């Protein structure tokens, strides 16, 4: 069954078109990722679904029913920013939202235990990881069928991010539908059953991570790490992404391209620490489809 159906969704802010005719189907029980850079339209789509943000045209259905206050009750939402009030304790925050949603008090105890939350700590004293956990607890208070997460791991260190990913996997095992927006390629690959790649307000490809990587065809990726200098010539000649002393160059014939890449880097004064040939990632597919990276 379809948990979410979106048809022809459009949303503009003056002359800026945030969503330009989005069509999307999210199946019940799957983790579905919206992958794209900041400004692609992911958060606008999520806010329409989970916050009731108005839109210009189109249709949205939740489990076959039009999106409304009634069907919105089927959706739990954890936005990027913290939902907690800084000067309230964890328990007080959850009790506040429980009263707001008319949820029995015992549910607060269940969620504190499940997420191992420090009930007596004030929200402003929590680490980033625990703030994300508290957001999830608020989103799950009324046990929704659909969980919507906007950039859930932004700002987290690696251990906290991995813990969060394990929780999301648990939600899927429990039969919940999870819709998450991310600009982290590894997050989409690690969690999603299917991915919609978004760019400039449009969905430009949908499929499993493996299906999407197949769009790269026979291409390989030259992955270079080190102190990189003089990469301008490479970026002009090849489809490439350079970020944080890592260069990824998409090529059809790695044996032919590798000497050119190495020569350009050496001439530019780079200090190469490692170089290897890899299969394409989802970011490489995004680069092929749009001509730019995810960030």
C-alpha atoms as a PDB file:
ATOM      1  CA  UNK A   1       0.000   0.000   0.000  1.00  0.00           C
ATOM      2  CA  UNK A   2       1.120   3.554  -0.665  1.00  0.00           C
ATOM      3  CA  UNK A   3       1.795   5.465   2.555  1.00  0.00           C
ATOM      4  CA  UNK A   4       2.280   8.766   0.723  1.00  0.00           C
ATOM      5  CA  UNK A   5       1.281   9.781  -2.804  1.00  0.00           C
ATOM      6  CA  UNK A   6       2.265  13.156  -4.241  1.00  0.00           C
ATOM      7  CA  UNK A   7       1.078  14.338  -7.649  1.00  0.00           C
ATOM      8  CA  UNK A   8       2.001  17.535  -9.462  1.00  0.00           C
ATOM      9  CA  UNK A   9       3.003  19.384  -6.300  1.00  0.00           C
ATOM     10  CA  UNK A  10       4.035  22.995  -6.868  1.00  0.00           C
ATOM     11  CA  UNK A  11       5.125  25.632  -4.365  1.00  0.00           C
ATOM     12  CA  UNK A  12       6.557  29.053  -5.088  1.00  0.00           C
ATOM     13  CA  UNK A  13       7.782  32.002  -3.068  1.00  0.00           C
ATOM     14  CA  UNK A  14       7.312  34.956  -5.392  1.00  0.00           C
ATOM     15  CA  UNK A  15       9.501  34.352  -8.428  1.00  0.00           C
ATOM     16  CA  UNK A  16      11.322  31.463  -6.761  1.00  0.00           C
ATOM     17  CA  UNK A  17       9.889  27.981  -7.491  1.00  0.00           C
ATOM     18  CA  UNK A  18      10.684  25.699  -4.545  1.00  0.00           C
ATOM     19  CA  UNK A  19       8.759  22.683  -5.891  1.00  0.00           C
ATOM     20  CA  UNK A  20       8.164  22.374  -9.607  1.00  0.00           C
ATOM     21  CA  UNK A  21       5.624  19.597 -10.228  1.00  0.00           C
ATOM     22  CA  UNK A  22       6.729  16.868  -7.796  1.00  0.00           C
ATOM     23  CA  UNK A  23       5.411  13.310  -8.310  1.00  0.00           C
ATOM     24  CA  UNK A  24       6.311  10.801  -5.598  1.00  0.00           C
ATOM     25  CA  UNK A  25       5.141   7.483  -4.130  1.00  0.00           C
ATOM     26  CA  UNK A  26       6.321   6.208  -0.742  1.00  0.00           C
ATOM     27  CA  UNK A  27       5.394   2.608   0.092  1.00  0.00           C
ATOM     28  CA  UNK A  28       4.179   1.520   3.503  1.00  0.00           C
ATOM     29  CA  UNK A  29       6.973   0.151   5.676  1.00  0.00           C
ATOM     30  CA  UNK A  30       9.931   1.444   3.675  1.00  0.00           C
ATOM     31  CA  UNK A  31      12.663   3.945   4.430  1.00  0.00           C
ATOM     32  CA  UNK A  32      12.501   6.488   1.623  1.00  0.00           C
ATOM     33  CA  UNK A  33      15.206   9.146   1.292  1.00  0.00           C
ATOM     34  CA  UNK A  34      15.001  12.528  -0.375  1.00  0.00           C
ATOM     35  CA  UNK A  35      18.589  13.162  -1.440  1.00  0.00           C
ATOM     36  CA  UNK A  36      19.773  16.505  -2.722  1.00  0.00           C
ATOM     37  CA  UNK A  37      21.767  19.626  -1.881  1.00  0.00           C
ATOM     38  CA  UNK A  38      20.490  22.469   0.252  1.00  0.00           C
ATOM     39  CA  UNK A  39      17.914  24.371  -1.786  1.00  0.00           C
ATOM     40  CA  UNK A  40      16.742  21.328  -3.739  1.00  0.00           C
ATOM     41  CA  UNK A  41      13.228  21.524  -2.233  1.00  0.00           C
ATOM     42  CA  UNK A  42      13.486  18.695   0.306  1.00  0.00           C
ATOM     43  CA  UNK A  43      12.563  20.744   3.374  1.00  0.00           C
ATOM     44  CA  UNK A  44       9.717  22.516   1.567  1.00  0.00           C
ATOM     45  CA  UNK A  45       8.207  19.155   0.618  1.00  0.00           C
ATOM     46  CA  UNK A  46       8.583  17.863   4.172  1.00  0.00           C
ATOM     47  CA  UNK A  47       7.058  21.007   5.678  1.00  0.00           C
ATOM     48  CA  UNK A  48       4.015  20.642   3.415  1.00  0.00           C
ATOM     49  CA  UNK A  49       3.592  17.027   4.509  1.00  0.00           C
ATOM     50  CA  UNK A  50       4.311  17.440   8.209  1.00  0.00           C
ATOM     51  CA  UNK A  51       3.648  21.083   9.122  1.00  0.00           C
ATOM     52  CA  UNK A  52       0.680  21.901   6.919  1.00  0.00           C
ATOM     53  CA  UNK A  53       2.608  24.468   4.869  1.00  0.00           C
ATOM     54  CA  UNK A  54       0.357  25.680   2.065  1.00  0.00           C
ATOM     55  CA  UNK A  55       1.133  24.851  -1.553  1.00  0.00           C
ATOM     56  CA  UNK A  56       0.052  26.267  -4.891  1.00  0.00           C
ATOM     57  CA  UNK A  57      -1.259  23.190  -6.689  1.00  0.00           C
ATOM     58  CA  UNK A  58      -1.115  19.416  -6.730  1.00  0.00           C
ATOM     59  CA  UNK A  59      -2.472  16.554  -4.655  1.00  0.00           C
ATOM     60  CA  UNK A  60      -1.205  14.669  -1.585  1.00  0.00           C
ATOM     61  CA  UNK A  61      -2.722  11.492  -0.184  1.00  0.00           C
ATOM     62  CA  UNK A  62      -1.795   9.655   3.018  1.00  0.00           C
ATOM     63  CA  UNK A  63      -2.803   5.997   3.054  1.00  0.00           C
ATOM     64  CA  UNK A  64      -5.250   6.789   0.263  1.00  0.00           C
ATOM     65  CA  UNK A  65      -6.886   9.769   1.998  1.00  0.00           C
ATOM     66  CA  UNK A  66      -6.318  13.435   1.136  1.00  0.00           C
ATOM     67  CA  UNK A  67      -3.834  15.200   3.397  1.00  0.00           C
ATOM     68  CA  UNK A  68      -5.834  16.856   6.181  1.00  0.00           C
ATOM     69  CA  UNK A  69      -5.781  17.437   9.931  1.00  0.00           C
ATOM     70  CA  UNK A  70      -7.117  13.900  10.319  1.00  0.00           C
ATOM     71  CA  UNK A  71      -4.452  12.188   8.191  1.00  0.00           C
ATOM     72  CA  UNK A  72      -1.730  14.453   9.612  1.00  0.00           C
ATOM     73  CA  UNK A  73      -2.227  12.533  12.865  1.00  0.00           C
ATOM     74  CA  UNK A  74      -0.666   9.549  11.081  1.00  0.00           C
ATOM     75  CA  UNK A  75       2.573  11.501  10.625  1.00  0.00           C
ATOM     76  CA  UNK A  76       5.227  12.108  13.280  1.00  0.00           C
ATOM     77  CA  UNK A  77       7.740  14.827  12.521  1.00  0.00           C
ATOM     78  CA  UNK A  78      11.291  15.484  13.700  1.00  0.00           C
ATOM     79  CA  UNK A  79      12.585  18.725  12.131  1.00  0.00           C
ATOM     80  CA  UNK A  80      16.227  19.810  11.893  1.00  0.00           C
ATOM     81  CA  UNK A  81      15.936  22.175  14.842  1.00  0.00           C
ATOM     82  CA  UNK A  82      15.286  21.035  18.392  1.00  0.00           C
ATOM     83  CA  UNK A  83      11.637  20.838  19.472  1.00  0.00           C
ATOM     84  CA  UNK A  84      12.578  21.133  23.132  1.00  0.00           C
ATOM     85  CA  UNK A  85      12.181  24.117  25.438  1.00  0.00           C
ATOM     86  CA  UNK A  86      15.648  24.777  26.860  1.00  0.00           C
ATOM     87  CA  UNK A  87      14.659  25.459  30.461  1.00  0.00           C
ATOM     88  CA  UNK A  88      12.371  22.428  30.779  1.00  0.00           C
ATOM     89  CA  UNK A  89      13.688  18.999  31.670  1.00  0.00           C
ATOM     90  CA  UNK A  90      13.431  16.105  29.267  1.00  0.00           C
ATOM     91  CA  UNK A  91      10.418  14.759  31.149  1.00  0.00           C
ATOM     92  CA  UNK A  92       8.742  18.172  31.295  1.00  0.00           C
ATOM     93  CA  UNK A  93       9.202  18.621  27.549  1.00  0.00           C
ATOM     94  CA  UNK A  94       7.675  15.238  26.788  1.00  0.00           C
ATOM     95  CA  UNK A  95       4.810  15.838  29.233  1.00  0.00           C
ATOM     96  CA  UNK A  96       4.126  19.196  27.576  1.00  0.00           C
ATOM     97  CA  UNK A  97       3.816  17.605  24.132  1.00  0.00           C
ATOM     98  CA  UNK A  98       1.891  14.643  25.548  1.00  0.00           C
ATOM     99  CA  UNK A  99      -0.732  17.059  26.909  1.00  0.00           C
ATOM    100  CA  UNK A 100      -0.763  18.904  23.599  1.00  0.00           C
ATOM    101  CA  UNK A 101      -1.399  15.689  21.665  1.00  0.00           C
ATOM    102  CA  UNK A 102      -3.715  14.203  24.331  1.00  0.00           C
ATOM    103  CA  UNK A 103      -1.395  11.235  24.889  1.00  0.00           C
ATOM    104  CA  UNK A 104      -1.479   9.158  28.123  1.00  0.00           C
ATOM    105  CA  UNK A 105       1.309   9.965  30.577  1.00  0.00           C
ATOM    106  CA  UNK A 106       2.652   6.391  30.578  1.00  0.00           C
ATOM    107  CA  UNK A 107       3.789   6.936  26.995  1.00  0.00           C
ATOM    108  CA  UNK A 108       6.314   9.476  28.290  1.00  0.00           C
ATOM    109  CA  UNK A 109       7.861   6.824  30.565  1.00  0.00           C
ATOM    110  CA  UNK A 110       8.002   4.342  27.685  1.00  0.00           C
ATOM    111  CA  UNK A 111       9.855   6.760  25.424  1.00  0.00           C
ATOM    112  CA  UNK A 112      12.289   7.912  28.122  1.00  0.00           C
ATOM    113  CA  UNK A 113      13.206   4.278  28.671  1.00  0.00           C
ATOM    114  CA  UNK A 114      13.365   3.402  24.974  1.00  0.00           C
ATOM    115  CA  UNK A 115      15.664   6.277  24.033  1.00  0.00           C
ATOM    116  CA  UNK A 116      17.639   6.138  27.315  1.00  0.00           C
ATOM    117  CA  UNK A 117      16.938   9.816  27.900  1.00  0.00           C
ATOM    118  CA  UNK A 118      18.135  11.605  31.076  1.00  0.00           C
ATOM    119  CA  UNK A 119      14.680  12.530  32.345  1.00  0.00           C
ATOM    120  CA  UNK A 120      15.794  15.152  34.905  1.00  0.00           C
ATOM    121  CA  UNK A 121      18.247  17.033  32.701  1.00  0.00           C
ATOM    122  CA  UNK A 122      17.237  20.347  31.186  1.00  0.00           C
ATOM    123  CA  UNK A 123      17.102  20.359  27.416  1.00  0.00           C
ATOM    124  CA  UNK A 124      19.812  23.022  27.163  1.00  0.00           C
ATOM    125  CA  UNK A 125      22.202  20.633  28.935  1.00  0.00           C
ATOM    126  CA  UNK A 126      21.770  17.843  26.390  1.00  0.00           C
ATOM    127  CA  UNK A 127      24.359  16.865  23.793  1.00  0.00           C
ATOM    128  CA  UNK A 128      23.456  17.060  20.113  1.00  0.00           C
ATOM    129  CA  UNK A 129      22.820  13.331  20.012  1.00  0.00           C
ATOM    130  CA  UNK A 130      20.399  13.419  22.935  1.00  0.00           C
ATOM    131  CA  UNK A 131      18.589  16.426  21.473  1.00  0.00           C
ATOM    132  CA  UNK A 132      17.986  14.374  18.321  1.00  0.00           C
ATOM    133  CA  UNK A 133      16.734  11.488  20.468  1.00  0.00           C
ATOM    134  CA  UNK A 134      14.361  13.836  22.277  1.00  0.00           C
ATOM    135  CA  UNK A 135      13.070  15.075  18.919  1.00  0.00           C
ATOM    136  CA  UNK A 136      12.384  11.483  17.894  1.00  0.00           C
ATOM    137  CA  UNK A 137      10.623  10.798  21.195  1.00  0.00           C
ATOM    138  CA  UNK A 138       8.330  13.802  20.637  1.00  0.00           C
ATOM    139  CA  UNK A 139       7.615  12.627  17.072  1.00  0.00           C
ATOM    140  CA  UNK A 140       6.680   9.150  18.329  1.00  0.00           C
ATOM    141  CA  UNK A 141       4.441  10.241  21.225  1.00  0.00           C
ATOM    142  CA  UNK A 142       1.182   9.320  19.494  1.00  0.00           C
ATOM    143  CA  UNK A 143       2.696   6.285  17.739  1.00  0.00           C
ATOM    144  CA  UNK A 144       2.307   7.537  14.155  1.00  0.00           C
ATOM    145  CA  UNK A 145       2.467   5.200  11.164  1.00  0.00           C
ATOM    146  CA  UNK A 146       4.767   7.551   9.246  1.00  0.00           C
ATOM    147  CA  UNK A 147       7.907   9.189  10.632  1.00  0.00           C
ATOM    148  CA  UNK A 148       9.226  12.231   8.749  1.00  0.00           C
ATOM    149  CA  UNK A 149      12.828  13.251   9.490  1.00  0.00           C
ATOM    150  CA  UNK A 150      14.453  16.404   8.125  1.00  0.00           C
ATOM    151  CA  UNK A 151      18.260  16.123   7.960  1.00  0.00           C
ATOM    152  CA  UNK A 152      18.279  13.868  11.046  1.00  0.00           C
ATOM    153  CA  UNK A 153      22.049  13.515  11.471  1.00  0.00           C
ATOM    154  CA  UNK A 154      23.169  17.068  10.686  1.00  0.00           C
ATOM    155  CA  UNK A 155      25.598  18.303  13.335  1.00  0.00           C
ATOM    156  CA  UNK A 156      26.167  14.905  14.946  1.00  0.00           C
ATOM    157  CA  UNK A 157      29.551  13.279  15.520  1.00  0.00           C
ATOM    158  CA  UNK A 158      30.157   9.877  13.945  1.00  0.00           C
ATOM    159  CA  UNK A 159      29.194   7.704  16.980  1.00  0.00           C
ATOM    160  CA  UNK A 160      25.947   9.671  17.535  1.00  0.00           C
ATOM    161  CA  UNK A 161      25.152   9.454  13.834  1.00  0.00           C
ATOM    162  CA  UNK A 162      25.575   5.662  13.845  1.00  0.00           C
ATOM    163  CA  UNK A 163      23.337   5.355  16.915  1.00  0.00           C
ATOM    164  CA  UNK A 164      20.671   7.413  15.180  1.00  0.00           C
ATOM    165  CA  UNK A 165      20.905   5.230  12.071  1.00  0.00           C
ATOM    166  CA  UNK A 166      20.331   2.131  14.199  1.00  0.00           C
ATOM    167  CA  UNK A 167      17.186   3.700  15.653  1.00  0.00           C
ATOM    168  CA  UNK A 168      15.875   4.456  12.152  1.00  0.00           C
ATOM    169  CA  UNK A 169      16.485   0.831  11.162  1.00  0.00           C
ATOM    170  CA  UNK A 170      14.498  -0.233  14.232  1.00  0.00           C
ATOM    171  CA  UNK A 171      11.554   1.927  13.139  1.00  0.00           C
ATOM    172  CA  UNK A 172      11.480   0.123   9.791  1.00  0.00           C
ATOM    173  CA  UNK A 173      11.614  -3.270  11.520  1.00  0.00           C
ATOM    174  CA  UNK A 174       8.583  -2.189  13.553  1.00  0.00           C
ATOM    175  CA  UNK A 175       6.672  -1.556  10.316  1.00  0.00           C
ATOM    176  CA  UNK A 176       6.826   2.227  10.328  1.00  0.00           C
ATOM    177  CA  UNK A 177       7.245   4.185   7.113  1.00  0.00           C
ATOM    178  CA  UNK A 178      10.209   6.563   7.326  1.00  0.00           C
ATOM    179  CA  UNK A 179      10.639   9.537   5.000  1.00  0.00           C
ATOM    180  CA  UNK A 180      13.940  11.300   5.516  1.00  0.00           C
ATOM    181  CA  UNK A 181      15.547  14.276   3.817  1.00  0.00           C
ATOM    182  CA  UNK A 182      19.325  14.310   3.635  1.00  0.00           C
ATOM    183  CA  UNK A 183      22.220  15.751   1.685  1.00  0.00           C
ATOM    184  CA  UNK A 184      24.521  13.014   3.003  1.00  0.00           C
ATOM    185  CA  UNK A 185      25.045  10.398   0.325  1.00  0.00           C
ATOM    186  CA  UNK A 186      26.269   7.807   2.840  1.00  0.00           C
ATOM    187  CA  UNK A 187      23.123   8.262   4.945  1.00  0.00           C
ATOM    188  CA  UNK A 188      20.855   7.543   1.981  1.00  0.00           C
ATOM    189  CA  UNK A 189      22.936   4.524   0.990  1.00  0.00           C
ATOM    190  CA  UNK A 190      23.045   3.131   4.532  1.00  0.00           C
ATOM    191  CA  UNK A 191      19.350   3.511   5.364  1.00  0.00           C
ATOM    192  CA  UNK A 192      17.083   3.848   2.352  1.00  0.00           C
ATOM    193  CA  UNK A 193      15.167   1.146   0.545  1.00  0.00           C
ATOM    194  CA  UNK A 194      14.569   3.715  -2.198  1.00  0.00           C
ATOM    195  CA  UNK A 195      15.915   7.178  -2.925  1.00  0.00           C
ATOM    196  CA  UNK A 196      14.510  10.164  -4.792  1.00  0.00           C
ATOM    197  CA  UNK A 197      17.256  12.457  -6.073  1.00  0.00           C
ATOM    198  CA  UNK A 198      16.042  16.064  -5.974  1.00  0.00           C
ATOM    199  CA  UNK A 199      17.502  19.131  -7.645  1.00  0.00           C
ATOM    200  CA  UNK A 200      16.088  22.635  -8.114  1.00  0.00           C
ATOM    201  CA  UNK A 201      12.582  21.696  -7.018  1.00  0.00           C
ATOM    202  CA  UNK A 202      12.287  18.566  -9.151  1.00  0.00           C
ATOM    203  CA  UNK A 203      12.642  14.819  -8.661  1.00  0.00           C
ATOM    204  CA  UNK A 204      15.175  13.815 -11.297  1.00  0.00           C
ATOM    205  CA  UNK A 205      15.531  10.088 -10.477  1.00  0.00           C
ATOM    206  CA  UNK A 206      13.958   7.486  -8.177  1.00  0.00           C
ATOM    207  CA  UNK A 207      15.075   3.953  -7.367  1.00  0.00           C
ATOM    208  CA  UNK A 208      16.989   1.720  -4.999  1.00  0.00           C
ATOM    209  CA  UNK A 209      20.558   2.862  -4.315  1.00  0.00           C
ATOM    210  CA  UNK A 210      21.847   0.135  -6.621  1.00  0.00           C
ATOM    211  CA  UNK A 211      19.417   1.054  -9.397  1.00  0.00           C
ATOM    212  CA  UNK A 212      20.452   4.688  -9.187  1.00  0.00           C
ATOM    213  CA  UNK A 213      24.151   3.852  -9.227  1.00  0.00           C
ATOM    214  CA  UNK A 214      23.434   1.918 -12.410  1.00  0.00           C
ATOM    215  CA  UNK A 215      22.660   5.268 -14.059  1.00  0.00           C
ATOM    216  CA  UNK A 216      26.405   5.896 -14.052  1.00  0.00           C
ATOM    217  CA  UNK A 217      26.695   3.169 -16.696  1.00  0.00           C
ATOM    218  CA  UNK A 218      30.221   1.821 -17.145  1.00  0.00           C
ATOM    219  CA  UNK A 219      31.875   4.704 -15.345  1.00  0.00           C
ATOM    220  CA  UNK A 220      34.431   4.289 -12.579  1.00  0.00           C
ATOM    221  CA  UNK A 221      35.636   6.825 -10.036  1.00  0.00           C
ATOM    222  CA  UNK A 222      39.235   7.800  -9.361  1.00  0.00           C
ATOM    223  CA  UNK A 223      39.343   8.574  -5.632  1.00  0.00           C
ATOM    224  CA  UNK A 224      42.311  10.680  -4.500  1.00  0.00           C
ATOM    225  CA  UNK A 225      43.130  11.765  -0.941  1.00  0.00           C
ATOM    226  CA  UNK A 226      45.851  14.144   0.180  1.00  0.00           C
ATOM    227  CA  UNK A 227      46.794  17.793   0.233  1.00  0.00           C
ATOM    228  CA  UNK A 228      45.417  18.691  -3.171  1.00  0.00           C
ATOM    229  CA  UNK A 229      46.578  21.619  -5.281  1.00  0.00           C
ATOM    230  CA  UNK A 230      46.189  22.528  -8.920  1.00  0.00           C
ATOM    231  CA  UNK A 231      42.911  20.676  -9.380  1.00  0.00           C
ATOM    232  CA  UNK A 232      41.402  23.335 -11.664  1.00  0.00           C
ATOM    233  CA  UNK A 233      42.494  21.559 -14.858  1.00  0.00           C
ATOM    234  CA  UNK A 234      40.931  18.291 -13.661  1.00  0.00           C
ATOM    235  CA  UNK A 235      37.676  19.990 -12.747  1.00  0.00           C
ATOM    236  CA  UNK A 236      37.572  21.579 -16.211  1.00  0.00           C
ATOM    237  CA  UNK A 237      38.313  18.375 -18.162  1.00  0.00           C
ATOM    238  CA  UNK A 238      36.396  15.777 -16.115  1.00  0.00           C
ATOM    239  CA  UNK A 239      33.229  15.510 -14.043  1.00  0.00           C
ATOM    240  CA  UNK A 240      34.741  15.751 -10.591  1.00  0.00           C
ATOM    241  CA  UNK A 241      33.968  16.627  -6.978  1.00  0.00           C
ATOM    242  CA  UNK A 242      36.587  18.156  -4.678  1.00  0.00           C
ATOM    243  CA  UNK A 243      35.872  18.394  -0.959  1.00  0.00           C
ATOM    244  CA  UNK A 244      37.963  18.357   2.215  1.00  0.00           C
ATOM    245  CA  UNK A 245      41.183  17.040   0.609  1.00  0.00           C
ATOM    246  CA  UNK A 246      39.320  14.382  -1.342  1.00  0.00           C
ATOM    247  CA  UNK A 247      38.949  14.412  -5.113  1.00  0.00           C
ATOM    248  CA  UNK A 248      36.524  12.089  -6.932  1.00  0.00           C
ATOM    249  CA  UNK A 249      36.825  11.987 -10.726  1.00  0.00           C
ATOM    250  CA  UNK A 250      34.175  10.169 -12.783  1.00  0.00           C
ATOM    251  CA  UNK A 251      35.662   8.513 -15.881  1.00  0.00           C
ATOM    252  CA  UNK A 252      34.685   5.903 -18.457  1.00  0.00           C
ATOM    253  CA  UNK A 253      38.209   4.483 -18.838  1.00  0.00           C
ATOM    254  CA  UNK A 254      40.143   4.683 -15.582  1.00  0.00           C
ATOM    255  CA  UNK A 255      43.372   3.310 -17.093  1.00  0.00           C
ATOM    256  CA  UNK A 256      43.453   6.138 -19.644  1.00  0.00           C
ATOM    257  CA  UNK A 257      42.386   8.909 -17.280  1.00  0.00           C
ATOM    258  CA  UNK A 258      44.506   7.964 -14.253  1.00  0.00           C
ATOM    259  CA  UNK A 259      47.873   9.164 -15.659  1.00  0.00           C
ATOM    260  CA  UNK A 260      46.312  12.519 -16.652  1.00  0.00           C
ATOM    261  CA  UNK A 261      44.825  13.007 -13.193  1.00  0.00           C
ATOM    262  CA  UNK A 262      48.056  12.109 -11.397  1.00  0.00           C
ATOM    263  CA  UNK A 263      50.153  14.287 -13.711  1.00  0.00           C
ATOM    264  CA  UNK A 264      47.902  17.330 -13.162  1.00  0.00           C
ATOM    265  CA  UNK A 265      47.998  16.874  -9.392  1.00  0.00           C
ATOM    266  CA  UNK A 266      51.782  16.427  -9.243  1.00  0.00           C
ATOM    267  CA  UNK A 267      52.366  19.458 -11.472  1.00  0.00           C
ATOM    268  CA  UNK A 268      50.064  21.481  -9.230  1.00  0.00           C
ATOM    269  CA  UNK A 269      52.114  20.573  -6.154  1.00  0.00           C
ATOM    270  CA  UNK A 270      49.697  18.101  -4.555  1.00  0.00           C
ATOM    271  CA  UNK A 271      50.807  15.667  -1.875  1.00  0.00           C
ATOM    272  CA  UNK A 272      48.925  12.473  -2.736  1.00  0.00           C
ATOM    273  CA  UNK A 273      48.346  10.129   0.209  1.00  0.00           C
ATOM    274  CA  UNK A 274      46.221   7.516  -1.527  1.00  0.00           C
ATOM    275  CA  UNK A 275      44.632   6.875  -4.887  1.00  0.00           C
ATOM    276  CA  UNK A 276      42.244   4.103  -5.869  1.00  0.00           C
ATOM    277  CA  UNK A 277      39.572   3.151  -8.392  1.00  0.00           C
ATOM    278  CA  UNK A 278      36.026   2.772  -7.005  1.00  0.00           C
ATOM    279  CA  UNK A 279      32.507   2.114  -8.189  1.00  0.00           C
ATOM    280  CA  UNK A 280      30.240   5.197  -8.381  1.00  0.00           C
ATOM    281  CA  UNK A 281      28.351   6.431  -5.312  1.00  0.00           C
ATOM    282  CA  UNK A 282      25.019   8.232  -5.262  1.00  0.00           C
ATOM    283  CA  UNK A 283      26.885  11.547  -5.214  1.00  0.00           C
ATOM    284  CA  UNK A 284      28.688  10.563  -8.415  1.00  0.00           C
ATOM    285  CA  UNK A 285      25.299   9.803  -9.978  1.00  0.00           C
ATOM    286  CA  UNK A 286      24.041  13.216  -8.833  1.00  0.00           C
ATOM    287  CA  UNK A 287      27.124  14.791 -10.414  1.00  0.00           C
ATOM    288  CA  UNK A 288      26.406  13.014 -13.687  1.00  0.00           C
ATOM    289  CA  UNK A 289      22.738  14.089 -13.694  1.00  0.00           C
ATOM    290  CA  UNK A 290      23.253  17.711 -12.631  1.00  0.00           C
ATOM    291  CA  UNK A 291      26.891  18.624 -13.196  1.00  0.00           C
ATOM    292  CA  UNK A 292      27.505  19.475  -9.523  1.00  0.00           C
ATOM    293  CA  UNK A 293      28.010  17.834  -6.144  1.00  0.00           C
ATOM    294  CA  UNK A 294      25.559  17.436  -3.282  1.00  0.00           C
ATOM    295  CA  UNK A 295      26.997  20.265  -1.171  1.00  0.00           C
END
